[in-house]
Amino acid sequence: KAFYVVSGLIIQALILLLFLFYFSRQFILIYYLMVILSAIVA
């Protein structure tokens, strides 16, 4: 179960980060929106 849980978390995290990275590079508006979101969260 440890391998199942840990590998599942790693795969989900990588997919999320790749998804965000791709759209932030392809669409400049999304990039700035994410930076603004980070500033608000901080």
PDB file of all heavy atoms in Angstrom:
ATOM      1  N   LYS A   1       0.830  -1.201   0.000  1.00  0.00           N
ATOM      2  CA  LYS A   1       0.000   0.000   0.000  1.00  0.00           C
ATOM      3  C   LYS A   1       0.865   1.252   0.000  1.00  0.00           C
ATOM      4  O   LYS A   1       0.503   2.271  -0.597  1.00  0.00           O
ATOM      5  CB  LYS A   1      -0.926  -0.001   1.216  1.00  0.00           C
ATOM      6  CG  LYS A   1      -1.881   1.179   1.259  1.00  0.00           C
ATOM      7  CD  LYS A   1      -2.819   1.087   2.440  1.00  0.00           C
ATOM      8  CE  LYS A   1      -3.747   2.294   2.485  1.00  0.00           C
ATOM      9  NZ  LYS A   1      -4.705   2.229   3.611  1.00  0.00           N
ATOM     10  N   ALA A   2       2.017   1.176   0.647  1.00  0.00           N
ATOM     11  CA  ALA A   2       2.918   2.329   0.700  1.00  0.00           C
ATOM     12  C   ALA A   2       3.338   2.745  -0.703  1.00  0.00           C
ATOM     13  O   ALA A   2       3.327   3.934  -1.041  1.00  0.00           O
ATOM     14  CB  ALA A   2       4.150   1.992   1.540  1.00  0.00           C
ATOM     15  N   PHE A   3       3.708   1.776  -1.538  1.00  0.00           N
ATOM     16  CA  PHE A   3       4.102   2.084  -2.912  1.00  0.00           C
ATOM     17  C   PHE A   3       2.920   2.654  -3.696  1.00  0.00           C
ATOM     18  O   PHE A   3       3.064   3.620  -4.446  1.00  0.00           O
ATOM     19  CB  PHE A   3       4.620   0.815  -3.609  1.00  0.00           C
ATOM     20  CG  PHE A   3       4.935   1.016  -5.065  1.00  0.00           C
ATOM     21  CD1 PHE A   3       6.083   1.685  -5.454  1.00  0.00           C
ATOM     22  CD2 PHE A   3       4.064   0.553  -6.041  1.00  0.00           C
ATOM     23  CE1 PHE A   3       6.367   1.888  -6.800  1.00  0.00           C
ATOM     24  CE2 PHE A   3       4.340   0.746  -7.391  1.00  0.00           C
ATOM     25  CZ  PHE A   3       5.495   1.420  -7.761  1.00  0.00           C
ATOM     26  N   TYR A   4       1.748   2.091  -3.482  1.00  0.00           N
ATOM     27  CA  TYR A   4       0.545   2.547  -4.174  1.00  0.00           C
ATOM     28  C   TYR A   4       0.224   3.998  -3.822  1.00  0.00           C
ATOM     29  O   TYR A   4      -0.038   4.828  -4.697  1.00  0.00           O
ATOM     30  CB  TYR A   4      -0.617   1.625  -3.789  1.00  0.00           C
ATOM     31  CG  TYR A   4      -1.992   2.139  -4.127  1.00  0.00           C
ATOM     32  CD1 TYR A   4      -2.437   2.227  -5.444  1.00  0.00           C
ATOM     33  CD2 TYR A   4      -2.870   2.516  -3.107  1.00  0.00           C
ATOM     34  CE1 TYR A   4      -3.709   2.688  -5.740  1.00  0.00           C
ATOM     35  CE2 TYR A   4      -4.138   2.981  -3.396  1.00  0.00           C
ATOM     36  CZ  TYR A   4      -4.549   3.065  -4.710  1.00  0.00           C
ATOM     37  OH  TYR A   4      -5.807   3.523  -5.005  1.00  0.00           O
ATOM     38  N   VAL A   5       0.291   4.336  -2.542  1.00  0.00           N
ATOM     39  CA  VAL A   5      -0.053   5.692  -2.092  1.00  0.00           C
ATOM     40  C   VAL A   5       1.002   6.698  -2.543  1.00  0.00           C
ATOM     41  O   VAL A   5       0.679   7.746  -3.115  1.00  0.00           O
ATOM     42  CB  VAL A   5      -0.213   5.725  -0.557  1.00  0.00           C
ATOM     43  CG1 VAL A   5      -0.353   7.163  -0.064  1.00  0.00           C
ATOM     44  CG2 VAL A   5      -1.426   4.909  -0.124  1.00  0.00           C
ATOM     45  N   VAL A   6       2.267   6.394  -2.272  1.00  0.00           N
ATOM     46  CA  VAL A   6       3.345   7.336  -2.590  1.00  0.00           C
ATOM     47  C   VAL A   6       3.450   7.577  -4.101  1.00  0.00           C
ATOM     48  O   VAL A   6       3.555   8.720  -4.552  1.00  0.00           O
ATOM     49  CB  VAL A   6       4.687   6.827  -2.028  1.00  0.00           C
ATOM     50  CG1 VAL A   6       5.836   7.721  -2.505  1.00  0.00           C
ATOM     51  CG2 VAL A   6       4.643   6.804  -0.509  1.00  0.00           C
ATOM     52  N   SER A   7       3.412   6.498  -4.880  1.00  0.00           N
ATOM     53  CA  SER A   7       3.507   6.658  -6.337  1.00  0.00           C
ATOM     54  C   SER A   7       2.312   7.422  -6.880  1.00  0.00           C
ATOM     55  O   SER A   7       2.447   8.251  -7.794  1.00  0.00           O
ATOM     56  CB  SER A   7       3.614   5.292  -7.012  1.00  0.00           C
ATOM     57  OG  SER A   7       2.492   4.476  -6.722  1.00  0.00           O
ATOM     58  N   GLY A   8       1.123   7.182  -6.324  1.00  0.00           N
ATOM     59  CA  GLY A   8      -0.064   7.909  -6.758  1.00  0.00           C
ATOM     60  C   GLY A   8       0.055   9.398  -6.488  1.00  0.00           C
ATOM     61  O   GLY A   8      -0.317  10.231  -7.332  1.00  0.00           O
ATOM     62  N   LEU A   9       0.600   9.757  -5.321  1.00  0.00           N
ATOM     63  CA  LEU A   9       0.785  11.167  -4.980  1.00  0.00           C
ATOM     64  C   LEU A   9       1.808  11.825  -5.904  1.00  0.00           C
ATOM     65  O   LEU A   9       1.611  12.960  -6.352  1.00  0.00           O
ATOM     66  CB  LEU A   9       1.236  11.289  -3.521  1.00  0.00           C
ATOM     67  CG  LEU A   9       0.187  10.981  -2.454  1.00  0.00           C
ATOM     68  CD1 LEU A   9       0.826  10.974  -1.074  1.00  0.00           C
ATOM     69  CD2 LEU A   9      -0.947  11.996  -2.499  1.00  0.00           C
ATOM     70  N   ILE A  10       2.898  11.131  -6.178  1.00  0.00           N
ATOM     71  CA  ILE A  10       3.933  11.684  -7.054  1.00  0.00           C
ATOM     72  C   ILE A  10       3.386  11.918  -8.462  1.00  0.00           C
ATOM     73  O   ILE A  10       3.614  12.974  -9.071  1.00  0.00           O
ATOM     74  CB  ILE A  10       5.153  10.748  -7.091  1.00  0.00           C
ATOM     75  CG1 ILE A  10       5.858  10.739  -5.731  1.00  0.00           C
ATOM     76  CG2 ILE A  10       6.135  11.184  -8.185  1.00  0.00           C
ATOM     77  CD1 ILE A  10       6.971   9.718  -5.616  1.00  0.00           C
ATOM     78  N   ILE A  11       2.649  10.941  -8.980  1.00  0.00           N
ATOM     79  CA  ILE A  11       2.080  11.072 -10.326  1.00  0.00           C
ATOM     80  C   ILE A  11       1.108  12.245 -10.393  1.00  0.00           C
ATOM     81  O   ILE A  11       1.143  13.055 -11.333  1.00  0.00           O
ATOM     82  CB  ILE A  11       1.388   9.761 -10.742  1.00  0.00           C
ATOM     83  CG1 ILE A  11       2.433   8.654 -10.963  1.00  0.00           C
ATOM     84  CG2 ILE A  11       0.559   9.958 -12.016  1.00  0.00           C
ATOM     85  CD1 ILE A  11       1.835   7.277 -11.134  1.00  0.00           C
ATOM     86  N   GLN A  12       0.229  12.365  -9.375  1.00  0.00           N
ATOM     87  CA  GLN A  12      -0.725  13.476  -9.359  1.00  0.00           C
ATOM     88  C   GLN A  12      -0.011  14.818  -9.300  1.00  0.00           C
ATOM     89  O   GLN A  12      -0.388  15.766  -9.997  1.00  0.00           O
ATOM     90  CB  GLN A  12      -1.668  13.337  -8.159  1.00  0.00           C
ATOM     91  CG  GLN A  12      -2.678  12.213  -8.289  1.00  0.00           C
ATOM     92  CD  GLN A  12      -3.623  12.195  -7.111  1.00  0.00           C
ATOM     93  OE1 GLN A  12      -4.412  13.106  -6.914  1.00  0.00           O
ATOM     94  NE2 GLN A  12      -3.523  11.151  -6.309  1.00  0.00           N
ATOM     95  N   ALA A  13       1.019  14.903  -8.453  1.00  0.00           N
ATOM     96  CA  ALA A  13       1.752  16.166  -8.317  1.00  0.00           C
ATOM     97  C   ALA A  13       2.447  16.540  -9.622  1.00  0.00           C
ATOM     98  O   ALA A  13       2.423  17.712 -10.037  1.00  0.00           O
ATOM     99  CB  ALA A  13       2.764  16.046  -7.179  1.00  0.00           C
ATOM    100  N   LEU A  14       3.046  15.570 -10.286  1.00  0.00           N
ATOM    101  CA  LEU A  14       3.728  15.845 -11.551  1.00  0.00           C
ATOM    102  C   LEU A  14       2.748  16.285 -12.632  1.00  0.00           C
ATOM    103  O   LEU A  14       3.030  17.230 -13.380  1.00  0.00           O
ATOM    104  CB  LEU A  14       4.489  14.597 -12.014  1.00  0.00           C
ATOM    105  CG  LEU A  14       5.755  14.240 -11.215  1.00  0.00           C
ATOM    106  CD1 LEU A  14       6.331  12.915 -11.705  1.00  0.00           C
ATOM    107  CD2 LEU A  14       6.794  15.346 -11.330  1.00  0.00           C
ATOM    108  N   ILE A  15       1.604  15.618 -12.698  1.00  0.00           N
ATOM    109  CA  ILE A  15       0.596  15.997 -13.692  1.00  0.00           C
ATOM    110  C   ILE A  15       0.118  17.426 -13.457  1.00  0.00           C
ATOM    111  O   ILE A  15      -0.015  18.227 -14.389  1.00  0.00           O
ATOM    112  CB  ILE A  15      -0.594  15.015 -13.669  1.00  0.00           C
ATOM    113  CG1 ILE A  15      -0.147  13.640 -14.200  1.00  0.00           C
ATOM    114  CG2 ILE A  15      -1.758  15.551 -14.494  1.00  0.00           C
ATOM    115  CD1 ILE A  15      -1.209  12.563 -14.043  1.00  0.00           C
ATOM    116  N   LEU A  16      -0.131  17.757 -12.189  1.00  0.00           N
ATOM    117  CA  LEU A  16      -0.592  19.105 -11.852  1.00  0.00           C
ATOM    118  C   LEU A  16       0.448  20.151 -12.228  1.00  0.00           C
ATOM    119  O   LEU A  16       0.121  21.177 -12.854  1.00  0.00           O
ATOM    120  CB  LEU A  16      -0.914  19.192 -10.352  1.00  0.00           C
ATOM    121  CG  LEU A  16      -1.319  20.575  -9.829  1.00  0.00           C
ATOM    122  CD1 LEU A  16      -2.623  21.027 -10.475  1.00  0.00           C
ATOM    123  CD2 LEU A  16      -1.441  20.571  -8.314  1.00  0.00           C
ATOM    124  N   LEU A  17       1.710  19.900 -11.845  1.00  0.00           N
ATOM    125  CA  LEU A  17       2.764  20.871 -12.134  1.00  0.00           C
ATOM    126  C   LEU A  17       2.991  21.019 -13.638  1.00  0.00           C
ATOM    127  O   LEU A  17       3.186  22.130 -14.143  1.00  0.00           O
ATOM    128  CB  LEU A  17       4.058  20.448 -11.442  1.00  0.00           C
ATOM    129  CG  LEU A  17       4.046  20.539  -9.904  1.00  0.00           C
ATOM    130  CD1 LEU A  17       5.344  20.003  -9.318  1.00  0.00           C
ATOM    131  CD2 LEU A  17       3.823  21.976  -9.443  1.00  0.00           C
ATOM    132  N   LEU A  18       2.975  19.902 -14.376  1.00  0.00           N
ATOM    133  CA  LEU A  18       3.137  19.968 -15.833  1.00  0.00           C
ATOM    134  C   LEU A  18       1.975  20.714 -16.479  1.00  0.00           C
ATOM    135  O   LEU A  18       2.159  21.509 -17.420  1.00  0.00           O
ATOM    136  CB  LEU A  18       3.239  18.554 -16.413  1.00  0.00           C
ATOM    137  CG  LEU A  18       4.549  17.812 -16.134  1.00  0.00           C
ATOM    138  CD1 LEU A  18       4.446  16.350 -16.589  1.00  0.00           C
ATOM    139  CD2 LEU A  18       5.721  18.501 -16.833  1.00  0.00           C
ATOM    140  N   PHE A  19       0.776  20.487 -15.966  1.00  0.00           N
ATOM    141  CA  PHE A  19      -0.412  21.165 -16.475  1.00  0.00           C
ATOM    142  C   PHE A  19      -0.287  22.677 -16.273  1.00  0.00           C
ATOM    143  O   PHE A  19      -0.508  23.473 -17.200  1.00  0.00           O
ATOM    144  CB  PHE A  19      -1.646  20.615 -15.756  1.00  0.00           C
ATOM    145  CG  PHE A  19      -2.930  21.277 -16.161  1.00  0.00           C
ATOM    146  CD1 PHE A  19      -3.617  20.888 -17.301  1.00  0.00           C
ATOM    147  CD2 PHE A  19      -3.476  22.305 -15.384  1.00  0.00           C
ATOM    148  CE1 PHE A  19      -4.798  21.503 -17.665  1.00  0.00           C
ATOM    149  CE2 PHE A  19      -4.656  22.924 -15.737  1.00  0.00           C
ATOM    150  CZ  PHE A  19      -5.319  22.513 -16.879  1.00  0.00           C
ATOM    151  N   LEU A  20       0.093  23.076 -15.064  1.00  0.00           N
ATOM    152  CA  LEU A  20       0.229  24.499 -14.763  1.00  0.00           C
ATOM    153  C   LEU A  20       1.375  25.119 -15.570  1.00  0.00           C
ATOM    154  O   LEU A  20       1.263  26.244 -16.074  1.00  0.00           O
ATOM    155  CB  LEU A  20       0.469  24.682 -13.261  1.00  0.00           C
ATOM    156  CG  LEU A  20      -0.697  24.323 -12.336  1.00  0.00           C
ATOM    157  CD1 LEU A  20      -0.272  24.428 -10.882  1.00  0.00           C
ATOM    158  CD2 LEU A  20      -1.893  25.229 -12.599  1.00  0.00           C
ATOM    159  N   PHE A  21       2.475  24.388 -15.675  1.00  0.00           N
ATOM    160  CA  PHE A  21       3.629  24.901 -16.417  1.00  0.00           C
ATOM    161  C   PHE A  21       3.280  25.106 -17.889  1.00  0.00           C
ATOM    162  O   PHE A  21       3.616  26.136 -18.485  1.00  0.00           O
ATOM    163  CB  PHE A  21       4.803  23.928 -16.271  1.00  0.00           C
ATOM    164  CG  PHE A  21       6.039  24.354 -16.998  1.00  0.00           C
ATOM    165  CD1 PHE A  21       6.856  25.351 -16.474  1.00  0.00           C
ATOM    166  CD2 PHE A  21       6.392  23.784 -18.215  1.00  0.00           C
ATOM    167  CE1 PHE A  21       8.005  25.750 -17.146  1.00  0.00           C
ATOM    168  CE2 PHE A  21       7.525  24.184 -18.899  1.00  0.00           C
ATOM    169  CZ  PHE A  21       8.330  25.170 -18.359  1.00  0.00           C
ATOM    170  N   TYR A  22       2.591  24.136 -18.469  1.00  0.00           N
ATOM    171  CA  TYR A  22       2.248  24.220 -19.897  1.00  0.00           C
ATOM    172  C   TYR A  22       1.350  25.425 -20.165  1.00  0.00           C
ATOM    173  O   TYR A  22       1.621  26.233 -21.070  1.00  0.00           O
ATOM    174  CB  TYR A  22       1.546  22.935 -20.330  1.00  0.00           C
ATOM    175  CG  TYR A  22       0.998  23.003 -21.734  1.00  0.00           C
ATOM    176  CD1 TYR A  22       1.823  22.852 -22.847  1.00  0.00           C
ATOM    177  CD2 TYR A  22      -0.361  23.245 -21.949  1.00  0.00           C
ATOM    178  CE1 TYR A  22       1.323  22.930 -24.138  1.00  0.00           C
ATOM    179  CE2 TYR A  22      -0.877  23.324 -23.242  1.00  0.00           C
ATOM    180  CZ  TYR A  22      -0.033  23.167 -24.328  1.00  0.00           C
ATOM    181  OH  TYR A  22      -0.541  23.247 -25.592  1.00  0.00           O
ATOM    182  N   PHE A  23       0.290  25.573 -19.407  1.00  0.00           N
ATOM    183  CA  PHE A  23      -0.659  26.653 -19.663  1.00  0.00           C
ATOM    184  C   PHE A  23      -0.075  28.023 -19.323  1.00  0.00           C
ATOM    185  O   PHE A  23      -0.432  29.023 -19.961  1.00  0.00           O
ATOM    186  CB  PHE A  23      -1.963  26.413 -18.903  1.00  0.00           C
ATOM    187  CG  PHE A  23      -2.886  25.458 -19.597  1.00  0.00           C
ATOM    188  CD1 PHE A  23      -2.890  24.117 -19.263  1.00  0.00           C
ATOM    189  CD2 PHE A  23      -3.733  25.891 -20.606  1.00  0.00           C
ATOM    190  CE1 PHE A  23      -3.732  23.221 -19.918  1.00  0.00           C
ATOM    191  CE2 PHE A  23      -4.577  25.009 -21.260  1.00  0.00           C
ATOM    192  CZ  PHE A  23      -4.574  23.667 -20.922  1.00  0.00           C
ATOM    193  N   SER A  24       0.808  28.063 -18.326  1.00  0.00           N
ATOM    194  CA  SER A  24       1.427  29.360 -18.000  1.00  0.00           C
ATOM    195  C   SER A  24       2.394  29.803 -19.086  1.00  0.00           C
ATOM    196  O   SER A  24       2.615  30.999 -19.286  1.00  0.00           O
ATOM    197  CB  SER A  24       2.156  29.268 -16.647  1.00  0.00           C
ATOM    198  OG  SER A  24       3.241  28.362 -16.728  1.00  0.00           O
ATOM    199  N   ARG A  25       2.989  28.839 -19.801  1.00  0.00           N
ATOM    200  CA  ARG A  25       3.882  29.172 -20.904  1.00  0.00           C
ATOM    201  C   ARG A  25       3.122  29.497 -22.181  1.00  0.00           C
ATOM    202  O   ARG A  25       3.526  30.357 -22.968  1.00  0.00           O
ATOM    203  CB  ARG A  25       4.835  27.988 -21.166  1.00  0.00           C
ATOM    204  CG  ARG A  25       5.826  27.735 -20.044  1.00  0.00           C
ATOM    205  CD  ARG A  25       6.863  28.833 -19.920  1.00  0.00           C
ATOM    206  NE  ARG A  25       7.667  28.960 -21.122  1.00  0.00           N
ATOM    207  CZ  ARG A  25       8.792  28.304 -21.340  1.00  0.00           C
ATOM    208  NH1 ARG A  25       9.246  27.458 -20.442  1.00  0.00           N
ATOM    209  NH2 ARG A  25       9.468  28.489 -22.452  1.00  0.00           N
ATOM    210  N   GLN A  26       1.998  28.818 -22.397  1.00  0.00           N
ATOM    211  CA  GLN A  26       1.233  29.002 -23.616  1.00  0.00           C
ATOM    212  C   GLN A  26       0.339  30.244 -23.569  1.00  0.00           C
ATOM    213  O   GLN A  26       0.082  30.876 -24.584  1.00  0.00           O
ATOM    214  CB  GLN A  26       0.362  27.759 -23.883  1.00  0.00           C
ATOM    215  CG  GLN A  26       1.164  26.508 -24.181  1.00  0.00           C
ATOM    216  CD  GLN A  26       1.958  26.615 -25.470  1.00  0.00           C
ATOM    217  OE1 GLN A  26       1.468  27.149 -26.469  1.00  0.00           O
ATOM    218  NE2 GLN A  26       3.195  26.113 -25.457  1.00  0.00           N
ATOM    219  N   PHE A  27      -0.116  30.567 -22.378  1.00  0.00           N
ATOM    220  CA  PHE A  27      -1.058  31.689 -22.240  1.00  0.00           C
ATOM    221  C   PHE A  27      -0.511  32.650 -21.191  1.00  0.00           C
ATOM    222  O   PHE A  27      -0.546  32.354 -19.989  1.00  0.00           O
ATOM    223  CB  PHE A  27      -2.445  31.189 -21.843  1.00  0.00           C
ATOM    224  CG  PHE A  27      -3.003  30.183 -22.809  1.00  0.00           C
ATOM    225  CD1 PHE A  27      -2.908  28.815 -22.531  1.00  0.00           C
ATOM    226  CD2 PHE A  27      -3.606  30.571 -24.002  1.00  0.00           C
ATOM    227  CE1 PHE A  27      -3.411  27.871 -23.417  1.00  0.00           C
ATOM    228  CE2 PHE A  27      -4.107  29.633 -24.885  1.00  0.00           C
ATOM    229  CZ  PHE A  27      -4.011  28.276 -24.602  1.00  0.00           C
ATOM    230  N   ILE A  28       0.005  33.766 -21.629  1.00  0.00           N
ATOM    231  CA  ILE A  28       0.646  34.729 -20.737  1.00  0.00           C
ATOM    232  C   ILE A  28      -0.316  35.258 -19.683  1.00  0.00           C
ATOM    233  O   ILE A  28       0.079  35.555 -18.551  1.00  0.00           O
ATOM    234  CB  ILE A  28       1.258  35.899 -21.559  1.00  0.00           C
ATOM    235  CG1 ILE A  28       2.215  36.706 -20.678  1.00  0.00           C
ATOM    236  CG2 ILE A  28       0.173  36.767 -22.169  1.00  0.00           C
ATOM    237  CD1 ILE A  28       3.453  35.942 -20.297  1.00  0.00           C
ATOM    238  N   LEU A  29      -1.610  35.334 -20.021  1.00  0.00           N
ATOM    239  CA  LEU A  29      -2.609  35.804 -19.060  1.00  0.00           C
ATOM    240  C   LEU A  29      -2.687  34.857 -17.864  1.00  0.00           C
ATOM    241  O   LEU A  29      -2.759  35.306 -16.709  1.00  0.00           O
ATOM    242  CB  LEU A  29      -3.975  35.922 -19.737  1.00  0.00           C
ATOM    243  CG  LEU A  29      -5.133  36.359 -18.818  1.00  0.00           C
ATOM    244  CD1 LEU A  29      -4.852  37.740 -18.229  1.00  0.00           C
ATOM    245  CD2 LEU A  29      -6.455  36.355 -19.580  1.00  0.00           C
ATOM    246  N   ILE A  30      -2.673  33.562 -18.152  1.00  0.00           N
ATOM    247  CA  ILE A  30      -2.723  32.577 -17.068  1.00  0.00           C
ATOM    248  C   ILE A  30      -1.492  32.704 -16.180  1.00  0.00           C
ATOM    249  O   ILE A  30      -1.574  32.605 -14.948  1.00  0.00           O
ATOM    250  CB  ILE A  30      -2.846  31.150 -17.645  1.00  0.00           C
ATOM    251  CG1 ILE A  30      -4.213  30.973 -18.310  1.00  0.00           C
ATOM    252  CG2 ILE A  30      -2.631  30.097 -16.557  1.00  0.00           C
ATOM    253  CD1 ILE A  30      -4.419  29.622 -18.942  1.00  0.00           C
ATOM    254  N   TYR A  31      -0.340  32.947 -16.794  1.00  0.00           N
ATOM    255  CA  TYR A  31       0.897  33.126 -16.022  1.00  0.00           C
ATOM    256  C   TYR A  31       0.746  34.264 -15.011  1.00  0.00           C
ATOM    257  O   TYR A  31       1.042  34.105 -13.818  1.00  0.00           O
ATOM    258  CB  TYR A  31       2.052  33.406 -16.983  1.00  0.00           C
ATOM    259  CG  TYR A  31       3.346  33.773 -16.294  1.00  0.00           C
ATOM    260  CD1 TYR A  31       4.230  32.810 -15.850  1.00  0.00           C
ATOM    261  CD2 TYR A  31       3.678  35.123 -16.095  1.00  0.00           C
ATOM    262  CE1 TYR A  31       5.407  33.157 -15.217  1.00  0.00           C
ATOM    263  CE2 TYR A  31       4.859  35.483 -15.460  1.00  0.00           C
ATOM    264  CZ  TYR A  31       5.724  34.492 -15.030  1.00  0.00           C
ATOM    265  OH  TYR A  31       6.888  34.840 -14.392  1.00  0.00           O
ATOM    266  N   TYR A  32       0.283  35.424 -15.511  1.00  0.00           N
ATOM    267  CA  TYR A  32       0.151  36.573 -14.616  1.00  0.00           C
ATOM    268  C   TYR A  32      -0.945  36.362 -13.574  1.00  0.00           C
ATOM    269  O   TYR A  32      -0.816  36.813 -12.425  1.00  0.00           O
ATOM    270  CB  TYR A  32      -0.089  37.849 -15.418  1.00  0.00           C
ATOM    271  CG  TYR A  32       1.157  38.358 -16.102  1.00  0.00           C
ATOM    272  CD1 TYR A  32       1.268  38.369 -17.489  1.00  0.00           C
ATOM    273  CD2 TYR A  32       2.234  38.831 -15.348  1.00  0.00           C
ATOM    274  CE1 TYR A  32       2.422  38.822 -18.115  1.00  0.00           C
ATOM    275  CE2 TYR A  32       3.384  39.291 -15.965  1.00  0.00           C
ATOM    276  CZ  TYR A  32       3.481  39.278 -17.339  1.00  0.00           C
ATOM    277  OH  TYR A  32       4.637  39.723 -17.938  1.00  0.00           O
ATOM    278  N   LEU A  33      -2.007  35.680 -13.959  1.00  0.00           N
ATOM    279  CA  LEU A  33      -3.065  35.384 -12.989  1.00  0.00           C
ATOM    280  C   LEU A  33      -2.544  34.501 -11.854  1.00  0.00           C
ATOM    281  O   LEU A  33      -2.889  34.701 -10.682  1.00  0.00           O
ATOM    282  CB  LEU A  33      -4.250  34.702 -13.682  1.00  0.00           C
ATOM    283  CG  LEU A  33      -5.130  35.600 -14.551  1.00  0.00           C
ATOM    284  CD1 LEU A  33      -6.180  34.768 -15.278  1.00  0.00           C
ATOM    285  CD2 LEU A  33      -5.804  36.693 -13.710  1.00  0.00           C
ATOM    286  N   MET A  34      -1.699  33.547 -12.183  1.00  0.00           N
ATOM    287  CA  MET A  34      -1.132  32.663 -11.163  1.00  0.00           C
ATOM    288  C   MET A  34      -0.160  33.417 -10.259  1.00  0.00           C
ATOM    289  O   MET A  34      -0.109  33.168  -9.051  1.00  0.00           O
ATOM    290  CB  MET A  34      -0.459  31.466 -11.828  1.00  0.00           C
ATOM    291  CG  MET A  34      -1.453  30.508 -12.485  1.00  0.00           C
ATOM    292  SD  MET A  34      -0.667  29.226 -13.477  1.00  0.00           S
ATOM    293  CE  MET A  34       0.204  28.323 -12.218  1.00  0.00           C
ATOM    294  N   VAL A  35       0.610  34.330 -10.843  1.00  0.00           N
ATOM    295  CA  VAL A  35       1.522  35.143 -10.031  1.00  0.00           C
ATOM    296  C   VAL A  35       0.728  36.040  -9.098  1.00  0.00           C
ATOM    297  O   VAL A  35       1.065  36.189  -7.912  1.00  0.00           O
ATOM    298  CB  VAL A  35       2.455  35.976 -10.934  1.00  0.00           C
ATOM    299  CG1 VAL A  35       3.240  36.986 -10.097  1.00  0.00           C
ATOM    300  CG2 VAL A  35       3.404  35.075 -11.705  1.00  0.00           C
ATOM    301  N   ILE A  36      -0.360  36.640  -9.618  1.00  0.00           N
ATOM    302  CA  ILE A  36      -1.219  37.495  -8.780  1.00  0.00           C
ATOM    303  C   ILE A  36      -1.849  36.669  -7.659  1.00  0.00           C
ATOM    304  O   ILE A  36      -1.919  37.104  -6.509  1.00  0.00           O
ATOM    305  CB  ILE A  36      -2.292  38.179  -9.649  1.00  0.00           C
ATOM    306  CG1 ILE A  36      -1.649  39.203 -10.581  1.00  0.00           C
ATOM    307  CG2 ILE A  36      -3.349  38.843  -8.770  1.00  0.00           C
ATOM    308  CD1 ILE A  36      -2.595  39.750 -11.623  1.00  0.00           C
ATOM    309  N   LEU A  37      -2.306  35.449  -8.002  1.00  0.00           N
ATOM    310  CA  LEU A  37      -2.870  34.564  -6.987  1.00  0.00           C
ATOM    311  C   LEU A  37      -1.852  34.282  -5.888  1.00  0.00           C
ATOM    312  O   LEU A  37      -2.178  34.338  -4.693  1.00  0.00           O
ATOM    313  CB  LEU A  37      -3.316  33.252  -7.624  1.00  0.00           C
ATOM    314  CG  LEU A  37      -3.790  32.149  -6.654  1.00  0.00           C
ATOM    315  CD1 LEU A  37      -5.044  32.590  -5.923  1.00  0.00           C
ATOM    316  CD2 LEU A  37      -4.027  30.830  -7.390  1.00  0.00           C
ATOM    317  N   SER A  38      -0.614  34.010  -6.282  1.00  0.00           N
ATOM    318  CA  SER A  38       0.433  33.743  -5.293  1.00  0.00           C
ATOM    319  C   SER A  38       0.672  34.957  -4.400  1.00  0.00           C
ATOM    320  O   SER A  38       0.866  34.823  -3.186  1.00  0.00           O
ATOM    321  CB  SER A  38       1.737  33.342  -6.000  1.00  0.00           C
ATOM    322  OG  SER A  38       1.602  32.091  -6.631  1.00  0.00           O
ATOM    323  N   ALA A  39       0.661  36.147  -4.997  1.00  0.00           N
ATOM    324  CA  ALA A  39       0.862  37.368  -4.211  1.00  0.00           C
ATOM    325  C   ALA A  39      -0.263  37.559  -3.205  1.00  0.00           C
ATOM    326  O   ALA A  39      -0.031  37.897  -2.040  1.00  0.00           O
ATOM    327  CB  ALA A  39       0.958  38.571  -5.140  1.00  0.00           C
ATOM    328  N   ILE A  40      -1.515  37.323  -3.638  1.00  0.00           N
ATOM    329  CA  ILE A  40      -2.666  37.458  -2.737  1.00  0.00           C
ATOM    330  C   ILE A  40      -2.582  36.437  -1.599  1.00  0.00           C
ATOM    331  O   ILE A  40      -2.806  36.758  -0.424  1.00  0.00           O
ATOM    332  CB  ILE A  40      -3.982  37.285  -3.527  1.00  0.00           C
ATOM    333  CG1 ILE A  40      -4.166  38.447  -4.501  1.00  0.00           C
ATOM    334  CG2 ILE A  40      -5.173  37.173  -2.576  1.00  0.00           C
ATOM    335  CD1 ILE A  40      -5.331  38.256  -5.459  1.00  0.00           C
ATOM    336  N   VAL A  41      -2.224  35.200  -1.971  1.00  0.00           N
ATOM    337  CA  VAL A  41      -2.098  34.144  -0.953  1.00  0.00           C
ATOM    338  C   VAL A  41      -1.017  34.502   0.064  1.00  0.00           C
ATOM    339  O   VAL A  41      -1.189  34.315   1.273  1.00  0.00           O
ATOM    340  CB  VAL A  41      -1.792  32.786  -1.617  1.00  0.00           C
ATOM    341  CG1 VAL A  41      -1.389  31.747  -0.566  1.00  0.00           C
ATOM    342  CG2 VAL A  41      -2.992  32.285  -2.402  1.00  0.00           C
ATOM    343  N   ALA A  42       0.118  35.035  -0.398  1.00  0.00           N
ATOM    344  CA  ALA A  42       1.210  35.424   0.500  1.00  0.00           C
ATOM    345  C   ALA A  42       0.751  36.501   1.481  1.00  0.00           C
ATOM    346  O   ALA A  42       1.089  36.456   2.668  1.00  0.00           O
ATOM    347  CB  ALA A  42       2.406  35.919  -0.309  1.00  0.00           C
TER     348      ALA A  42
END
